[in-house]
Amino acid sequence: MINYSGTPKVETERLVLRRMELSDTQKAFEQWLSDERVSDNRVSAAHKTLSESFERLTKIVSNYANKDFCWWAIERKADGELIGEIDLYDFGQTTGNCEVSYSIGYEWWNKGYATEALKAVVEFGFHHMNIHKISAAHNTDNPASGKVMRKVGMVQEGIIRHMIRNAKNQYKDCAVYGILQEDFLKNNESFPSYILTLNES
């Protein structure tokens, strides 16, 4: 049984995961939503106008009233810079399973931020929400994302051919990963929490 608690503020060593705000629109647009280097790894196309990003963030913000909505902005502690987003979604009521996705602005690739955010969200999902399994997928031509998933303990379960079709009308094969709650707890029982603080108020 999943324990839904919405989108609480989560603090890690270098990051703050918090709710998106409409005032984030400009930064989100500039940092990743309008960047084709980022959108090539997403299903949705790069945004051409700020209004597209505003509409997207308006929808996100309006969903925070729902306890089963988990969508975080990723902010650097050092300078308060908004660098990406991460969310848990597609919750299965009968299985207790869900999926996770994330995007990081190109300027902050290969600096460990995606791994740090994913570790915290996976821990939150298993420890605080009692999720049974968390899955993720990445385009096979984006192996760096698979490296992030493996660092969190996810295991590749297969490759699905032509799993998605992107905004450029290209079909992409995707590697599918997953991690079970029991495996996460067993592998992390002797390690400190990735989450420094959790504020559900």
C-alpha atoms as a PDB file:
ATOM      1  CA  MET A   1       0.000   0.000   0.000  1.00  0.00           C
ATOM      2  CA  ILE A   2       1.532   3.299  -1.108  1.00  0.00           C
ATOM      3  CA  ASN A   3       1.640   6.080   1.483  1.00  0.00           C
ATOM      4  CA  TYR A   4       1.116   9.252  -0.503  1.00  0.00           C
ATOM      5  CA  SER A   5       2.471  12.451   1.017  1.00  0.00           C
ATOM      6  CA  GLY A   6       2.657  14.779  -1.963  1.00  0.00           C
ATOM      7  CA  THR A   7       5.902  16.588  -2.768  1.00  0.00           C
ATOM      8  CA  PRO A   8       7.810  17.409   0.429  1.00  0.00           C
ATOM      9  CA  LYS A   9      10.979  19.477   0.476  1.00  0.00           C
ATOM     10  CA  VAL A  10      14.037  17.209   0.462  1.00  0.00           C
ATOM     11  CA  GLU A  11      17.582  18.296   1.261  1.00  0.00           C
ATOM     12  CA  THR A  12      20.706  16.371   0.203  1.00  0.00           C
ATOM     13  CA  GLU A  13      24.379  17.225   0.524  1.00  0.00           C
ATOM     14  CA  ARG A  14      24.439  19.612  -2.447  1.00  0.00           C
ATOM     15  CA  LEU A  15      20.804  19.935  -3.468  1.00  0.00           C
ATOM     16  CA  VAL A  16      17.369  21.049  -2.386  1.00  0.00           C
ATOM     17  CA  LEU A  17      14.447  19.236  -3.997  1.00  0.00           C
ATOM     18  CA  ARG A  18      11.375  21.428  -3.699  1.00  0.00           C
ATOM     19  CA  ARG A  19       8.073  22.165  -5.347  1.00  0.00           C
ATOM     20  CA  MET A  20       8.106  23.983  -8.652  1.00  0.00           C
ATOM     21  CA  GLU A  21       6.847  27.558  -8.608  1.00  0.00           C
ATOM     22  CA  LEU A  22       5.537  29.706 -11.439  1.00  0.00           C
ATOM     23  CA  SER A  23       8.467  32.045 -10.805  1.00  0.00           C
ATOM     24  CA  ASP A  24      10.735  29.186 -11.981  1.00  0.00           C
ATOM     25  CA  THR A  25       9.403  29.465 -15.533  1.00  0.00           C
ATOM     26  CA  GLN A  26      12.201  31.584 -16.972  1.00  0.00           C
ATOM     27  CA  LYS A  27      14.970  29.449 -15.501  1.00  0.00           C
ATOM     28  CA  ALA A  28      13.324  26.165 -16.427  1.00  0.00           C
ATOM     29  CA  PHE A  29      12.906  27.423 -19.981  1.00  0.00           C
ATOM     30  CA  GLU A  30      16.513  28.570 -20.232  1.00  0.00           C
ATOM     31  CA  GLN A  31      18.205  25.716 -18.385  1.00  0.00           C
ATOM     32  CA  TRP A  32      16.578  22.648 -19.952  1.00  0.00           C
ATOM     33  CA  LEU A  33      13.100  22.990 -21.448  1.00  0.00           C
ATOM     34  CA  SER A  34      14.316  24.933 -24.513  1.00  0.00           C
ATOM     35  CA  ASP A  35      17.593  23.017 -24.924  1.00  0.00           C
ATOM     36  CA  GLU A  36      17.545  20.413 -27.694  1.00  0.00           C
ATOM     37  CA  ARG A  37      20.537  18.636 -26.144  1.00  0.00           C
ATOM     38  CA  VAL A  38      18.244  17.850 -23.226  1.00  0.00           C
ATOM     39  CA  SER A  39      15.000  17.365 -25.157  1.00  0.00           C
ATOM     40  CA  ASP A  40      16.633  14.770 -27.431  1.00  0.00           C
ATOM     41  CA  ASN A  41      16.489  12.480 -24.392  1.00  0.00           C
ATOM     42  CA  ARG A  42      12.853  13.317 -23.667  1.00  0.00           C
ATOM     43  CA  VAL A  43       9.612  12.521 -25.467  1.00  0.00           C
ATOM     44  CA  SER A  44       8.475  16.148 -25.597  1.00  0.00           C
ATOM     45  CA  ALA A  45      10.049  18.681 -27.938  1.00  0.00           C
ATOM     46  CA  ALA A  46      12.221  21.559 -26.819  1.00  0.00           C
ATOM     47  CA  HIS A  47      10.101  24.578 -25.983  1.00  0.00           C
ATOM     48  CA  LYS A  48      10.257  27.416 -28.499  1.00  0.00           C
ATOM     49  CA  THR A  49       8.503  30.023 -26.376  1.00  0.00           C
ATOM     50  CA  LEU A  50       8.407  30.998 -22.726  1.00  0.00           C
ATOM     51  CA  SER A  51       4.628  30.620 -22.769  1.00  0.00           C
ATOM     52  CA  GLU A  52       5.004  26.869 -23.429  1.00  0.00           C
ATOM     53  CA  SER A  53       7.075  26.552 -20.279  1.00  0.00           C
ATOM     54  CA  PHE A  54       4.669  28.713 -18.297  1.00  0.00           C
ATOM     55  CA  GLU A  55       1.758  26.497 -19.355  1.00  0.00           C
ATOM     56  CA  ARG A  56       3.718  23.391 -18.340  1.00  0.00           C
ATOM     57  CA  LEU A  57       4.660  24.766 -14.930  1.00  0.00           C
ATOM     58  CA  THR A  58       1.103  25.996 -14.355  1.00  0.00           C
ATOM     59  CA  LYS A  59      -0.106  22.420 -14.798  1.00  0.00           C
ATOM     60  CA  ILE A  60       2.580  21.097 -12.439  1.00  0.00           C
ATOM     61  CA  VAL A  61       1.852  23.683  -9.732  1.00  0.00           C
ATOM     62  CA  SER A  62      -1.891  23.045  -9.913  1.00  0.00           C
ATOM     63  CA  ASN A  63      -1.308  19.341  -9.229  1.00  0.00           C
ATOM     64  CA  TYR A  64       0.444  19.895  -5.900  1.00  0.00           C
ATOM     65  CA  ALA A  65      -2.978  19.820  -4.255  1.00  0.00           C
ATOM     66  CA  ASN A  66      -3.017  16.069  -4.970  1.00  0.00           C
ATOM     67  CA  LYS A  67      -1.282  13.799  -2.463  1.00  0.00           C
ATOM     68  CA  ASP A  68      -0.284  11.349  -5.216  1.00  0.00           C
ATOM     69  CA  PHE A  69       1.671  14.019  -7.129  1.00  0.00           C
ATOM     70  CA  CYS A  70       5.457  13.932  -6.655  1.00  0.00           C
ATOM     71  CA  TRP A  71       7.353  16.439  -8.800  1.00  0.00           C
ATOM     72  CA  TRP A  72      10.444  18.287  -7.609  1.00  0.00           C
ATOM     73  CA  ALA A  73      12.516  21.172  -8.870  1.00  0.00           C
ATOM     74  CA  ILE A  74      16.243  20.472  -8.394  1.00  0.00           C
ATOM     75  CA  GLU A  75      18.063  23.436  -6.892  1.00  0.00           C
ATOM     76  CA  ARG A  76      21.743  23.773  -6.028  1.00  0.00           C
ATOM     77  CA  LYS A  77      22.410  24.751  -2.440  1.00  0.00           C
ATOM     78  CA  ALA A  78      25.604  26.625  -3.274  1.00  0.00           C
ATOM     79  CA  ASP A  79      23.965  29.343  -5.353  1.00  0.00           C
ATOM     80  CA  GLY A  80      20.221  28.611  -5.423  1.00  0.00           C
ATOM     81  CA  GLU A  81      20.458  27.806  -9.141  1.00  0.00           C
ATOM     82  CA  LEU A  82      17.578  25.818 -10.630  1.00  0.00           C
ATOM     83  CA  ILE A  83      19.223  23.007 -12.599  1.00  0.00           C
ATOM     84  CA  GLY A  84      16.530  20.437 -13.342  1.00  0.00           C
ATOM     85  CA  GLU A  85      13.512  18.410 -12.302  1.00  0.00           C
ATOM     86  CA  ILE A  86      12.660  14.897 -11.123  1.00  0.00           C
ATOM     87  CA  ASP A  87       9.345  13.119 -10.570  1.00  0.00           C
ATOM     88  CA  LEU A  88       7.710   9.888  -9.497  1.00  0.00           C
ATOM     89  CA  TYR A  89       4.677   8.959 -11.599  1.00  0.00           C
ATOM     90  CA  ASP A  90       2.438   6.220 -12.986  1.00  0.00           C
ATOM     91  CA  PHE A  91       1.663   4.714  -9.586  1.00  0.00           C
ATOM     92  CA  GLY A  92       0.137   1.238  -9.737  1.00  0.00           C
ATOM     93  CA  GLN A  93      -2.597   0.823  -7.140  1.00  0.00           C
ATOM     94  CA  THR A  94      -2.506  -2.971  -7.323  1.00  0.00           C
ATOM     95  CA  THR A  95       1.260  -3.443  -7.643  1.00  0.00           C
ATOM     96  CA  GLY A  96       2.582  -0.569  -5.541  1.00  0.00           C
ATOM     97  CA  ASN A  97       5.031   0.179  -8.363  1.00  0.00           C
ATOM     98  CA  CYS A  98       5.893   3.473 -10.059  1.00  0.00           C
ATOM     99  CA  GLU A  99       8.325   5.117 -12.469  1.00  0.00           C
ATOM    100  CA  VAL A 100      10.851   7.917 -12.118  1.00  0.00           C
ATOM    101  CA  SER A 101      12.155  10.421 -14.656  1.00  0.00           C
ATOM    102  CA  TYR A 102      14.542  13.351 -14.451  1.00  0.00           C
ATOM    103  CA  SER A 103      16.124  16.108 -16.517  1.00  0.00           C
ATOM    104  CA  ILE A 104      19.239  18.120 -15.755  1.00  0.00           C
ATOM    105  CA  GLY A 105      20.340  21.258 -17.589  1.00  0.00           C
ATOM    106  CA  TYR A 106      23.265  20.630 -19.956  1.00  0.00           C
ATOM    107  CA  GLU A 107      25.618  22.907 -18.003  1.00  0.00           C
ATOM    108  CA  TRP A 108      25.376  20.527 -15.019  1.00  0.00           C
ATOM    109  CA  TRP A 109      25.762  17.190 -16.788  1.00  0.00           C
ATOM    110  CA  ASN A 110      28.458  14.808 -15.518  1.00  0.00           C
ATOM    111  CA  LYS A 111      28.732  16.487 -12.121  1.00  0.00           C
ATOM    112  CA  GLY A 112      26.812  13.889 -10.104  1.00  0.00           C
ATOM    113  CA  TYR A 113      23.687  16.002  -9.581  1.00  0.00           C
ATOM    114  CA  ALA A 114      21.324  13.584 -11.358  1.00  0.00           C
ATOM    115  CA  THR A 115      22.667  10.698  -9.265  1.00  0.00           C
ATOM    116  CA  GLU A 116      22.311  12.668  -6.036  1.00  0.00           C
ATOM    117  CA  ALA A 117      18.733  13.686  -6.819  1.00  0.00           C
ATOM    118  CA  LEU A 118      17.748  10.192  -7.961  1.00  0.00           C
ATOM    119  CA  LYS A 119      19.225   8.569  -4.841  1.00  0.00           C
ATOM    120  CA  ALA A 120      17.181  10.893  -2.631  1.00  0.00           C
ATOM    121  CA  VAL A 121      13.932  10.363  -4.541  1.00  0.00           C
ATOM    122  CA  VAL A 122      14.377   6.573  -4.632  1.00  0.00           C
ATOM    123  CA  GLU A 123      15.052   6.582  -0.889  1.00  0.00           C
ATOM    124  CA  PHE A 124      11.988   8.757  -0.322  1.00  0.00           C
ATOM    125  CA  GLY A 125       9.873   6.423  -2.429  1.00  0.00           C
ATOM    126  CA  PHE A 126      10.935   3.298  -0.573  1.00  0.00           C
ATOM    127  CA  HIS A 127      11.303   4.600   2.990  1.00  0.00           C
ATOM    128  CA  HIS A 128       8.495   7.136   3.169  1.00  0.00           C
ATOM    129  CA  MET A 129       5.992   6.028   0.525  1.00  0.00           C
ATOM    130  CA  ASN A 130       6.424   2.251   0.817  1.00  0.00           C
ATOM    131  CA  ILE A 131       6.702   1.839  -2.955  1.00  0.00           C
ATOM    132  CA  HIS A 132       7.389  -1.756  -3.998  1.00  0.00           C
ATOM    133  CA  LYS A 133       9.372  -1.130  -7.197  1.00  0.00           C
ATOM    134  CA  ILE A 134      10.684   1.930  -9.042  1.00  0.00           C
ATOM    135  CA  SER A 135      11.387   1.705 -12.773  1.00  0.00           C
ATOM    136  CA  ALA A 136      13.084   4.015 -15.246  1.00  0.00           C
ATOM    137  CA  ALA A 137      14.106   3.988 -18.897  1.00  0.00           C
ATOM    138  CA  HIS A 138      16.564   5.805 -21.119  1.00  0.00           C
ATOM    139  CA  ASN A 139      17.259   5.981 -24.829  1.00  0.00           C
ATOM    140  CA  THR A 140      19.998   3.508 -25.719  1.00  0.00           C
ATOM    141  CA  ASP A 141      21.927   6.358 -27.359  1.00  0.00           C
ATOM    142  CA  ASN A 142      22.060   8.103 -23.962  1.00  0.00           C
ATOM    143  CA  PRO A 143      24.159   5.644 -21.926  1.00  0.00           C
ATOM    144  CA  ALA A 144      25.093   8.305 -19.347  1.00  0.00           C
ATOM    145  CA  SER A 145      21.558   8.085 -17.958  1.00  0.00           C
ATOM    146  CA  GLY A 146      21.939   4.339 -17.525  1.00  0.00           C
ATOM    147  CA  LYS A 147      25.122   4.970 -15.549  1.00  0.00           C
ATOM    148  CA  VAL A 148      23.124   7.190 -13.186  1.00  0.00           C
ATOM    149  CA  MET A 149      20.494   4.475 -12.720  1.00  0.00           C
ATOM    150  CA  ARG A 150      23.099   1.820 -11.964  1.00  0.00           C
ATOM    151  CA  LYS A 151      24.750   4.053  -9.337  1.00  0.00           C
ATOM    152  CA  VAL A 152      21.438   4.067  -7.474  1.00  0.00           C
ATOM    153  CA  GLY A 153      21.264   0.266  -7.586  1.00  0.00           C
ATOM    154  CA  MET A 154      18.885  -0.111 -10.507  1.00  0.00           C
ATOM    155  CA  VAL A 155      19.321  -3.175 -12.692  1.00  0.00           C
ATOM    156  CA  GLN A 156      18.803  -3.242 -16.439  1.00  0.00           C
ATOM    157  CA  GLU A 157      15.894  -5.569 -17.172  1.00  0.00           C
ATOM    158  CA  GLY A 158      15.901  -5.392 -20.946  1.00  0.00           C
ATOM    159  CA  ILE A 159      15.694  -3.253 -24.057  1.00  0.00           C
ATOM    160  CA  ILE A 160      12.400  -2.337 -25.652  1.00  0.00           C
ATOM    161  CA  ARG A 161      12.720  -1.583 -29.334  1.00  0.00           C
ATOM    162  CA  HIS A 162      11.078   1.590 -30.589  1.00  0.00           C
ATOM    163  CA  MET A 163       9.668   2.254 -27.122  1.00  0.00           C
ATOM    164  CA  ILE A 164       9.215   5.969 -27.833  1.00  0.00           C
ATOM    165  CA  ARG A 165       8.940   8.318 -30.766  1.00  0.00           C
ATOM    166  CA  ASN A 166      10.464  11.704 -30.069  1.00  0.00           C
ATOM    167  CA  ALA A 167       9.456  15.134 -31.289  1.00  0.00           C
ATOM    168  CA  LYS A 168      11.686  14.718 -34.359  1.00  0.00           C
ATOM    169  CA  ASN A 169       9.609  11.684 -35.379  1.00  0.00           C
ATOM    170  CA  GLN A 170      12.499   9.333 -34.567  1.00  0.00           C
ATOM    171  CA  TYR A 171      11.816   5.987 -32.940  1.00  0.00           C
ATOM    172  CA  LYS A 172      14.130   5.215 -30.049  1.00  0.00           C
ATOM    173  CA  ASP A 173      15.040   1.927 -28.401  1.00  0.00           C
ATOM    174  CA  CYS A 174      15.049   2.219 -24.622  1.00  0.00           C
ATOM    175  CA  ALA A 175      16.882   0.342 -21.896  1.00  0.00           C
ATOM    176  CA  VAL A 176      14.525  -0.387 -19.001  1.00  0.00           C
ATOM    177  CA  TYR A 177      15.791  -0.435 -15.414  1.00  0.00           C
ATOM    178  CA  GLY A 178      14.216  -1.292 -12.083  1.00  0.00           C
ATOM    179  CA  ILE A 179      14.921  -1.594  -8.389  1.00  0.00           C
ATOM    180  CA  LEU A 180      12.860  -3.360  -5.719  1.00  0.00           C
ATOM    181  CA  GLN A 181      12.290  -1.935  -2.266  1.00  0.00           C
ATOM    182  CA  GLU A 182      13.738  -5.077  -0.636  1.00  0.00           C
ATOM    183  CA  ASP A 183      16.942  -4.815  -2.679  1.00  0.00           C
ATOM    184  CA  PHE A 184      17.360  -1.112  -1.935  1.00  0.00           C
ATOM    185  CA  LEU A 185      16.889  -1.634   1.803  1.00  0.00           C
ATOM    186  CA  LYS A 186      19.260  -4.609   1.865  1.00  0.00           C
ATOM    187  CA  ASN A 187      21.974  -2.815  -0.108  1.00  0.00           C
ATOM    188  CA  ASN A 188      21.733   0.403   1.889  1.00  0.00           C
ATOM    189  CA  GLU A 189      21.191  -0.825   5.449  1.00  0.00           C
ATOM    190  CA  SER A 190      24.778  -0.025   6.454  1.00  0.00           C
ATOM    191  CA  PHE A 191      24.991   3.300   4.623  1.00  0.00           C
ATOM    192  CA  PRO A 192      23.871   6.744   5.818  1.00  0.00           C
ATOM    193  CA  SER A 193      20.720   8.276   4.411  1.00  0.00           C
ATOM    194  CA  TYR A 194      21.026  10.329   1.223  1.00  0.00           C
ATOM    195  CA  ILE A 195      18.329  12.605   2.613  1.00  0.00           C
ATOM    196  CA  LEU A 196      19.635  15.127   5.137  1.00  0.00           C
ATOM    197  CA  THR A 197      16.247  16.678   5.939  1.00  0.00           C
ATOM    198  CA  LEU A 198      12.665  16.094   4.867  1.00  0.00           C
ATOM    199  CA  ASN A 199      10.018  18.770   5.339  1.00  0.00           C
ATOM    200  CA  GLU A 200       6.466  17.604   4.660  1.00  0.00           C
ATOM    201  CA  SER A 201       4.792  20.795   5.898  1.00  0.00           C
END
